[in-house]
N, C-alpha and C. Protein backbone atom coordinates (compact mmCIF):
# COMPACT_ATOMS: atom_id res chain seq x y z
N MET A 1 94.99 149.39 108.96
CA MET A 1 93.79 149.71 109.63
C MET A 1 93.97 151.04 108.41
N HIS A 2 92.75 151.57 108.97
CA HIS A 2 92.54 152.91 108.22
C HIS A 2 92.98 154.05 109.40
N GLY A 3 93.54 155.12 108.56
CA GLY A 3 93.99 156.06 109.66
C GLY A 3 93.16 156.50 110.15
N TYR A 4 91.48 156.77 110.85
CA TYR A 4 91.55 157.42 112.17
C TYR A 4 91.35 156.22 112.81
N GLU A 5 92.09 154.68 112.46
CA GLU A 5 91.79 153.84 113.72
C GLU A 5 92.91 153.30 114.54
N LEU A 6 94.26 153.56 113.15
CA LEU A 6 96.10 153.77 113.61
C LEU A 6 95.84 155.22 114.68
N ARG A 7 95.08 156.13 114.22
CA ARG A 7 95.44 156.62 114.78
C ARG A 7 94.75 156.92 116.64
N LYS A 8 93.92 156.38 116.36
CA LYS A 8 93.20 155.85 117.51
C LYS A 8 94.21 154.84 118.84
N ARG A 9 94.71 154.08 118.43
CA ARG A 9 95.44 153.20 118.56
C ARG A 9 96.85 153.53 119.38
N LEU A 10 97.08 154.56 118.31
CA LEU A 10 98.60 155.04 118.61
C LEU A 10 98.74 155.92 119.86
N ASN A 11 98.06 156.27 119.67
CA ASN A 11 97.26 157.72 121.10
C ASN A 11 97.04 157.57 121.91
N LEU A 12 96.27 156.10 121.84
CA LEU A 12 95.90 155.23 123.20
C LEU A 12 97.05 154.17 124.18
N MET A 13 97.92 153.44 122.69
CA MET A 13 99.72 153.00 123.20
C MET A 13 100.58 154.43 123.79
N LEU A 14 100.49 155.13 123.16
CA LEU A 14 101.92 156.60 123.76
C LEU A 14 101.46 157.03 125.17
N GLY A 15 99.92 156.49 125.19
CA GLY A 15 99.68 157.38 126.66
C GLY A 15 99.12 158.99 126.71
N TRP A 16 98.33 159.83 127.79
CA TRP A 16 97.30 161.14 127.45
C TRP A 16 99.05 162.50 126.97
N GLY A 17 100.05 161.58 127.12
CA GLY A 17 101.50 162.92 127.31
C GLY A 17 101.43 163.19 126.16
N ARG A 18 101.02 162.18 124.81
CA ARG A 18 101.59 162.44 123.27
C ARG A 18 100.40 162.15 122.21
N VAL A 19 99.83 163.01 121.98
CA VAL A 19 98.75 163.08 120.51
C VAL A 19 99.53 163.03 119.60
N LEU A 20 98.92 161.66 118.69
CA LEU A 20 99.33 162.07 117.72
C LEU A 20 98.43 162.69 116.79
N SER A 21 98.69 164.02 116.39
CA SER A 21 97.80 164.42 115.06
C SER A 21 97.40 163.78 113.49
N TYR A 22 96.92 164.40 113.09
CA TYR A 22 96.65 163.71 111.37
C TYR A 22 96.89 164.61 110.92
N GLY A 23 98.00 165.65 110.88
CA GLY A 23 98.79 166.60 110.78
C GLY A 23 100.22 165.86 110.64
N SER A 24 100.07 165.12 111.35
CA SER A 24 101.52 164.02 111.55
C SER A 24 102.05 162.94 111.11
N LEU A 25 100.13 162.75 111.00
CA LEU A 25 100.14 160.42 110.67
C LEU A 25 99.80 160.93 109.11
N TYR A 26 99.08 161.77 108.50
CA TYR A 26 99.37 161.54 106.97
C TYR A 26 100.48 161.48 106.12
N PRO A 27 101.54 162.55 106.88
CA PRO A 27 102.05 163.14 105.79
C PRO A 27 103.20 161.00 106.26
N ALA A 28 103.08 161.49 107.67
CA ALA A 28 104.18 159.78 107.50
C ALA A 28 103.69 158.62 106.57
N LEU A 29 101.97 158.44 106.72
CA LEU A 29 101.85 157.28 105.74
C LEU A 29 101.92 157.43 104.57
N LYS A 30 102.21 158.80 104.07
CA LYS A 30 102.64 158.93 103.37
C LYS A 30 104.25 159.38 102.25
N LYS A 31 104.66 159.20 103.60
CA LYS A 31 106.28 158.83 103.14
C LYS A 31 106.43 157.84 103.49
N MET A 32 105.77 157.19 104.27
CA MET A 32 105.54 155.38 104.08
C MET A 32 105.33 154.90 103.49
N LEU A 33 104.27 155.11 102.09
CA LEU A 33 104.10 154.39 101.15
C LEU A 33 104.31 154.48 100.44
N ARG A 34 105.78 156.19 99.78
CA ARG A 34 106.41 156.06 99.19
C ARG A 34 108.00 155.40 99.31
N SER A 35 107.97 154.90 100.31
CA SER A 35 109.78 153.95 100.43
C SER A 35 109.11 152.91 100.16
N SER A 36 107.62 151.86 100.23
CA SER A 36 107.11 150.72 99.76
C SER A 36 107.27 150.32 101.40
N TRP A 37 106.97 150.93 102.48
CA TRP A 37 107.23 150.66 104.08
C TRP A 37 105.64 149.92 104.47
N ILE A 38 104.42 150.51 103.26
CA ILE A 38 103.39 150.36 103.87
C ILE A 38 101.96 150.16 102.21
N GLU A 39 101.57 150.21 102.48
CA GLU A 39 100.32 149.29 101.34
C GLU A 39 99.17 149.54 101.43
N GLU A 40 98.56 150.64 100.45
CA GLU A 40 97.32 151.11 100.85
C GLU A 40 96.44 150.13 99.85
N ARG A 41 94.78 150.19 99.82
CA ARG A 41 93.56 149.74 99.32
C ARG A 41 92.35 150.46 99.70
N THR A 42 91.78 150.42 99.08
CA THR A 42 90.92 150.87 98.96
C THR A 42 89.81 150.02 100.15
N VAL A 43 88.79 150.00 100.94
CA VAL A 43 87.65 148.80 100.99
C VAL A 43 86.67 149.47 100.90
N THR A 44 85.59 148.50 100.34
CA THR A 44 84.46 148.94 100.33
C THR A 44 83.19 148.87 101.62
N VAL A 45 82.58 149.49 101.31
CA VAL A 45 81.75 150.05 102.46
C VAL A 45 80.88 148.80 102.44
N LYS A 46 80.43 147.85 103.98
CA LYS A 46 79.58 147.29 104.37
C LYS A 46 78.57 147.30 103.89
N PRO A 47 77.46 146.26 103.61
CA PRO A 47 76.00 146.48 103.38
C PRO A 47 75.72 146.94 105.52
N GLY A 48 74.96 148.50 105.41
CA GLY A 48 74.27 148.35 106.63
C GLY A 48 75.35 149.43 107.54
N ALA A 49 76.52 149.81 106.68
CA ALA A 49 77.33 150.77 107.17
C ALA A 49 76.97 152.15 106.94
N VAL A 50 77.48 152.91 108.12
CA VAL A 50 77.11 154.57 107.65
C VAL A 50 77.66 155.16 106.24
N VAL A 51 77.35 155.43 104.96
CA VAL A 51 77.88 155.25 103.65
C VAL A 51 78.36 156.94 103.52
N SER A 52 80.10 157.26 103.42
CA SER A 52 80.76 158.15 103.62
C SER A 52 80.76 158.63 102.14
N ARG A 53 81.35 159.43 101.76
CA ARG A 53 81.50 159.71 100.48
C ARG A 53 83.13 159.87 99.96
N ARG A 54 83.64 159.29 100.66
CA ARG A 54 85.29 159.17 100.61
C ARG A 54 84.88 157.60 100.85
N PRO A 55 85.91 156.88 99.79
CA PRO A 55 85.90 154.94 99.99
C PRO A 55 86.85 155.45 101.44
N ARG A 56 87.09 154.26 101.77
CA ARG A 56 87.55 154.00 102.95
C ARG A 56 89.17 153.63 102.56
N ILE A 57 90.30 153.97 102.96
CA ILE A 57 91.23 153.34 102.61
C ILE A 57 91.50 152.74 104.08
N VAL A 58 92.85 151.72 103.79
CA VAL A 58 93.70 150.91 105.16
C VAL A 58 94.90 150.64 104.80
N TYR A 59 95.54 150.70 105.39
CA TYR A 59 97.20 150.73 105.13
C TYR A 59 97.80 149.16 106.06
N GLN A 60 98.75 148.68 104.98
CA GLN A 60 99.19 147.50 105.73
C GLN A 60 100.68 147.28 105.62
N LEU A 61 101.64 147.00 106.26
CA LEU A 61 102.47 147.03 106.41
C LEU A 61 103.53 145.82 105.57
N THR A 62 104.19 145.77 105.04
CA THR A 62 105.26 144.87 103.56
C THR A 62 106.04 144.46 104.45
N GLU A 63 106.72 143.45 104.07
CA GLU A 63 107.57 142.95 104.30
C GLU A 63 108.65 143.32 104.54
N THR A 64 108.97 144.37 103.41
CA THR A 64 109.73 145.22 103.27
C THR A 64 109.98 146.53 105.04
N GLY A 65 108.35 147.21 105.34
CA GLY A 65 108.17 147.64 106.23
C GLY A 65 108.78 147.23 106.80
N ASP A 66 107.80 145.94 107.55
CA ASP A 66 108.15 145.03 108.90
C ASP A 66 110.04 145.15 108.82
N ARG A 67 110.81 144.67 107.71
CA ARG A 67 112.27 144.70 107.88
C ARG A 67 112.40 146.17 108.40
N GLU A 68 112.60 147.28 107.65
CA GLU A 68 112.85 148.36 108.28
C GLU A 68 112.34 148.69 109.37
N PHE A 69 111.14 148.11 109.72
CA PHE A 69 111.25 148.37 111.62
C PHE A 69 111.73 147.89 112.71
N ILE A 70 112.19 146.52 112.56
CA ILE A 70 113.56 146.04 112.80
C ILE A 70 114.51 146.38 113.00
N ARG A 71 115.10 147.14 111.83
CA ARG A 71 115.72 147.69 111.56
C ARG A 71 115.93 149.07 112.23
N LEU A 72 115.24 149.61 112.76
CA LEU A 72 115.01 150.93 113.23
C LEU A 72 114.85 150.55 115.14
N MET A 73 114.15 149.07 115.74
CA MET A 73 114.08 149.42 116.46
C MET A 73 115.32 148.48 116.96
N SER A 74 116.03 148.62 116.13
CA SER A 74 117.59 147.95 116.55
C SER A 74 118.38 148.59 116.45
N GLU A 75 118.35 149.95 116.54
CA GLU A 75 119.17 150.48 116.61
C GLU A 75 119.43 151.48 117.60
N VAL A 76 120.82 151.64 118.60
CA VAL A 76 121.12 151.82 119.81
C VAL A 76 121.39 153.50 119.55
N GLY A 77 121.35 154.27 120.12
CA GLY A 77 121.69 155.51 120.19
C GLY A 77 121.09 156.83 120.92
N PRO A 78 122.17 158.00 120.75
CA PRO A 78 121.14 159.03 121.47
C PRO A 78 119.87 159.52 120.65
N THR A 79 119.30 159.61 119.77
CA THR A 79 118.33 159.44 119.36
C THR A 79 116.97 158.34 119.76
N ALA A 80 117.95 156.84 120.49
CA ALA A 80 117.15 156.31 120.48
C ALA A 80 116.27 156.49 122.28
N TRP A 81 117.12 157.52 122.88
CA TRP A 81 116.80 157.29 123.85
C TRP A 81 116.59 159.26 124.46
N GLU A 82 116.39 160.50 123.24
CA GLU A 82 116.11 161.34 123.86
C GLU A 82 114.51 161.95 123.95
N ASP A 83 114.52 162.53 124.44
CA ASP A 83 112.76 162.77 124.58
C ASP A 83 111.96 162.34 123.86
N ASP A 84 111.97 163.46 122.58
CA ASP A 84 111.36 162.89 121.01
C ASP A 84 110.83 161.15 120.75
N ASN A 85 111.87 160.55 120.85
CA ASN A 85 111.33 159.23 120.49
C ASN A 85 111.60 157.91 121.56
N PHE A 86 112.01 158.70 123.53
CA PHE A 86 112.12 157.60 123.46
C PHE A 86 110.24 156.76 124.06
N ASP A 87 109.14 157.76 124.24
CA ASP A 87 108.61 157.26 124.15
C ASP A 87 107.64 156.09 123.17
N ILE A 88 107.97 156.29 121.81
CA ILE A 88 107.64 155.67 120.75
C ILE A 88 108.17 154.11 121.26
N ARG A 89 109.71 154.23 120.93
CA ARG A 89 110.71 153.54 121.23
C ARG A 89 110.20 152.40 121.96
N PHE A 90 109.52 152.36 123.36
CA PHE A 90 109.32 152.14 124.38
C PHE A 90 108.01 151.14 124.13
N ALA A 91 106.92 151.99 124.12
CA ALA A 91 105.63 151.50 123.09
C ALA A 91 106.10 150.37 122.29
N PHE A 92 107.17 149.81 121.50
CA PHE A 92 106.93 149.13 120.96
C PHE A 92 108.19 147.95 121.38
N PHE A 93 108.41 147.97 123.28
CA PHE A 93 109.90 146.94 123.30
C PHE A 93 109.26 145.60 123.08
N GLY A 94 108.18 145.55 123.02
CA GLY A 94 107.90 144.32 123.16
C GLY A 94 108.09 143.29 122.10
N ARG A 95 108.85 144.29 120.80
CA ARG A 95 109.39 143.53 119.68
C ARG A 95 110.43 143.61 119.46
N THR A 96 111.21 144.28 120.85
CA THR A 96 112.39 144.49 120.95
C THR A 96 113.55 143.38 121.64
N ASP A 97 114.73 142.96 120.92
CA ASP A 97 115.94 142.42 121.71
C ASP A 97 116.01 143.10 123.29
N MET A 98 116.07 141.93 124.08
CA MET A 98 116.20 142.29 125.33
C MET A 98 117.83 143.04 125.75
N GLU A 99 118.47 143.03 125.16
CA GLU A 99 120.22 143.57 124.81
C GLU A 99 119.64 144.83 124.35
N ILE A 100 119.35 145.28 123.25
CA ILE A 100 118.91 146.35 122.86
C ILE A 100 118.11 147.10 124.42
N ARG A 101 116.91 146.74 124.67
CA ARG A 101 116.08 146.81 125.25
C ARG A 101 116.80 148.09 126.92
N LEU A 102 117.35 147.07 126.63
CA LEU A 102 118.70 147.84 127.77
C LEU A 102 119.74 149.01 128.32
N ARG A 103 120.11 148.63 126.58
CA ARG A 103 120.94 149.95 125.98
C ARG A 103 120.21 151.30 126.30
N VAL A 104 118.75 151.22 125.67
CA VAL A 104 117.99 152.26 125.52
C VAL A 104 117.63 152.85 126.66
N LEU A 105 117.28 151.43 127.94
CA LEU A 105 117.20 152.11 129.27
C LEU A 105 118.17 152.78 129.52
N GLU A 106 119.26 152.11 129.71
CA GLU A 106 120.75 152.66 130.44
C GLU A 106 121.31 153.87 129.31
N GLY A 107 120.50 154.45 128.14
CA GLY A 107 120.84 155.51 127.86
C GLY A 107 119.93 157.08 128.18
N ARG A 108 118.35 156.48 128.58
CA ARG A 108 118.01 157.41 128.59
C ARG A 108 117.73 157.60 130.30
N ARG A 109 118.23 156.42 130.75
CA ARG A 109 118.53 156.35 132.41
C ARG A 109 119.73 157.92 132.90
N THR A 110 120.86 157.70 131.88
CA THR A 110 122.23 158.23 132.05
C THR A 110 121.51 159.71 131.65
N ARG A 111 121.34 160.00 130.22
CA ARG A 111 120.76 161.16 130.05
C ARG A 111 119.89 162.29 131.06
N LEU A 112 119.32 161.46 131.14
CA LEU A 112 117.84 161.65 132.81
C LEU A 112 119.17 162.18 133.80
N GLN A 113 119.85 161.42 134.19
CA GLN A 113 120.91 161.49 135.67
C GLN A 113 121.66 163.19 135.50
N GLU A 114 121.82 163.06 134.03
CA GLU A 114 122.87 164.86 133.68
C GLU A 114 122.18 165.57 133.70
N ARG A 115 120.81 165.25 132.54
CA ARG A 115 119.97 166.62 133.03
C ARG A 115 119.70 167.20 134.41
N LEU A 116 119.20 165.82 134.98
CA LEU A 116 118.73 166.40 136.80
C LEU A 116 119.87 167.02 137.43
N ASP A 117 121.44 166.55 137.25
CA ASP A 117 122.63 166.78 138.44
C ASP A 117 122.58 168.49 137.77
N ARG A 118 122.45 168.61 136.47
CA ARG A 118 122.51 170.26 136.00
C ARG A 118 121.32 170.80 136.50
N VAL A 119 119.87 170.26 136.46
CA VAL A 119 118.80 171.35 136.84
C VAL A 119 119.63 171.55 138.31
N GLN A 120 119.92 170.68 139.40
CA GLN A 120 119.96 170.92 140.38
C GLN A 120 120.81 171.54 141.05
N SER A 121 122.53 171.78 140.20
CA SER A 121 123.23 172.92 140.16
C SER A 121 122.46 174.39 139.85
N GLN A 122 121.85 174.21 139.05
CA GLN A 122 121.53 175.47 138.55
C GLN A 122 120.74 175.76 139.46
N LEU A 123 119.36 174.95 139.90
CA LEU A 123 118.41 175.32 141.15
C LEU A 123 119.27 176.09 142.45
N ALA A 124 120.33 174.87 143.04
CA ALA A 124 120.45 175.89 143.76
C ALA A 124 120.83 177.38 143.97
N LEU A 125 121.50 177.29 143.03
CA LEU A 125 122.44 179.04 142.44
C LEU A 125 121.01 179.82 142.79
N THR A 126 120.21 179.46 141.71
CA THR A 126 118.83 180.69 141.54
C THR A 126 118.40 180.60 142.12
N GLN A 127 118.02 179.76 143.38
CA GLN A 127 116.91 179.27 144.41
C GLN A 127 116.34 180.82 145.27
N LYS A 128 117.82 181.64 145.55
CA LYS A 128 117.15 182.70 145.87
C LYS A 128 116.85 183.60 145.40
N GLU A 129 116.44 183.92 144.31
CA GLU A 129 116.19 184.43 143.22
C GLU A 129 115.19 184.84 142.45
N MET A 130 114.18 183.20 143.14
CA MET A 130 113.10 183.11 142.32
C MET A 130 112.45 183.37 142.95
N ASP A 131 110.89 183.53 143.18
CA ASP A 131 109.44 183.96 143.28
C ASP A 131 108.64 182.10 144.00
N GLN A 132 107.64 182.06 144.95
CA GLN A 132 107.48 180.62 144.97
C GLN A 132 107.05 180.38 144.14
N TYR A 133 106.42 179.90 142.95
CA TYR A 133 105.85 179.64 142.21
C TYR A 133 106.90 179.29 141.22
N ALA A 134 107.90 179.87 140.89
CA ALA A 134 108.87 179.10 139.79
C ALA A 134 109.74 178.16 140.40
N SER A 135 109.93 178.95 141.48
CA SER A 135 110.89 177.67 142.45
C SER A 135 109.56 176.44 142.85
N GLU A 136 108.55 176.19 142.90
CA GLU A 136 107.45 175.18 142.85
C GLU A 136 107.84 174.27 141.62
N LEU A 137 108.10 175.02 140.37
CA LEU A 137 107.39 174.23 139.10
C LEU A 137 109.77 173.95 138.75
N GLN A 138 110.26 174.51 139.70
CA GLN A 138 111.53 173.71 139.35
C GLN A 138 111.49 172.89 140.38
N ARG A 139 111.09 172.64 141.59
CA ARG A 139 111.05 171.19 142.53
C ARG A 139 109.92 170.60 141.57
N HIS A 140 109.11 170.86 141.48
CA HIS A 140 108.14 169.38 140.22
C HIS A 140 108.70 168.62 139.35
N GLY A 141 109.46 169.68 138.15
CA GLY A 141 110.55 169.57 137.32
C GLY A 141 111.86 168.27 137.92
N VAL A 142 112.39 168.62 138.68
CA VAL A 142 113.27 167.71 139.58
C VAL A 142 112.90 166.51 140.14
N GLU A 143 111.42 166.43 140.61
CA GLU A 143 110.45 165.65 141.30
C GLU A 143 110.70 164.48 140.26
N SER A 144 109.65 164.88 139.05
CA SER A 144 109.62 164.37 137.75
C SER A 144 110.71 163.30 137.29
N VAL A 145 111.41 164.44 137.06
CA VAL A 145 113.11 163.41 136.70
C VAL A 145 113.25 162.39 137.69
N GLU A 146 113.73 162.91 138.89
CA GLU A 146 113.91 161.69 140.03
C GLU A 146 113.08 160.51 139.63
N ARG A 147 111.78 160.96 139.51
CA ARG A 147 110.56 159.82 139.94
C ARG A 147 110.91 158.68 138.02
N GLU A 148 110.98 159.02 136.95
CA GLU A 148 111.19 158.73 135.93
C GLU A 148 112.54 157.93 135.61
N VAL A 149 113.53 158.29 136.52
CA VAL A 149 115.07 158.02 136.72
C VAL A 149 115.20 156.62 137.37
N ARG A 150 114.47 156.56 138.92
CA ARG A 150 113.77 155.42 139.92
C ARG A 150 112.76 154.13 138.82
N TRP A 151 112.07 154.48 138.07
CA TRP A 151 111.48 153.64 137.10
C TRP A 151 112.67 153.23 136.35
N LEU A 152 113.16 154.04 135.58
CA LEU A 152 114.39 153.06 134.75
C LEU A 152 114.98 151.97 135.22
N SER A 153 115.41 152.75 136.37
CA SER A 153 115.87 151.59 137.44
C SER A 153 115.64 150.81 137.56
N ASP A 154 113.93 150.53 137.97
CA ASP A 154 113.40 149.51 138.45
C ASP A 154 113.42 148.50 136.86
N LEU A 155 113.25 148.94 136.10
CA LEU A 155 112.68 148.84 134.71
C LEU A 155 114.22 147.41 134.03
N ILE A 156 115.41 148.60 134.33
CA ILE A 156 116.86 147.58 133.67
C ILE A 156 116.82 146.52 135.12
N ASN A 157 116.96 146.91 135.82
CA ASN A 157 117.13 145.72 137.10
C ASN A 157 116.08 144.34 136.66
N ALA A 158 114.71 145.13 135.89
CA ALA A 158 113.68 143.31 136.05
C ALA A 158 113.92 143.11 134.77
N GLU A 159 114.58 143.73 133.79
CA GLU A 159 115.57 143.69 132.81
C GLU A 159 116.35 142.37 132.70
N ARG A 160 117.24 142.55 133.78
CA ARG A 160 118.90 142.34 134.29
C ARG A 160 118.80 140.90 134.85
N ASN A 161 117.08 140.91 135.66
CA ASN A 161 116.76 139.57 136.40
C ASN A 161 116.16 138.49 135.26
N GLN A 162 115.17 138.84 134.19
CA GLN A 162 115.20 137.77 133.69
C GLN A 162 116.10 137.74 132.43
N GLN A 163 116.91 138.24 132.48
CA GLN A 163 118.53 137.32 131.43
C GLN A 163 119.51 136.52 132.35
N GLN A 164 118.96 136.63 133.42
CA GLN A 164 120.04 135.77 134.51
C GLN A 164 119.44 134.18 134.22
N PRO A 165 120.52 133.10 134.41
CA PRO A 165 120.00 131.98 133.98
C PRO A 165 119.42 131.49 135.76
N PRO A 166 117.79 131.08 135.53
CA PRO A 166 117.61 129.78 136.79
C PRO A 166 118.10 129.37 137.52
N VAL A 167 118.50 129.93 138.84
CA VAL A 167 119.23 128.75 139.43
C VAL A 167 119.00 127.55 139.87
N GLU A 168 119.40 126.24 139.69
CA GLU A 168 119.14 124.77 140.04
C GLU A 168 119.04 125.21 141.82
N PRO A 169 118.11 124.26 142.04
CA PRO A 169 118.13 124.14 143.27
C PRO A 169 119.40 123.12 143.74
N GLN A 170 120.04 122.89 144.66
CA GLN A 170 121.20 122.18 145.17
C GLN A 170 120.65 121.08 145.98
N THR A 171 121.39 119.78 145.22
CA THR A 171 120.08 118.27 145.92
C THR A 171 121.61 117.91 146.99
């Protein structure tokens, strides 16, 4: 894909909460080019298409890049479930082994539960000192994390249920 299409698809995949800018995309593409994870080629403009001054460059994943993607998606640890990386990892779960998905989901749920416990204990101490709006903002944050913990629990249960061998009917 060319950069514009790649950015559009990634933004669609990642959802409204995360927007990939060109200022992030093109340096990342250059880094991947230097590492031979992708290759670029110039595409000629089709007859009848709007002609631009610049040639269109398209990027394609190399075998080395595919292996690196698989390696990165197989890593399990705190960086996999932190706020900065979880959405991206989750967007590509379809290409990830079930055991890895479970470990990432469980890690994310544990991290959020720790955060929720900490915020709730702090909230109880500072509730009297806050005005109505600060209190509402805190409540909204707690409810958002609680909702994500429930969502993660549902995903974990669904993954585990897929993992179970089917029960054969007894005759």
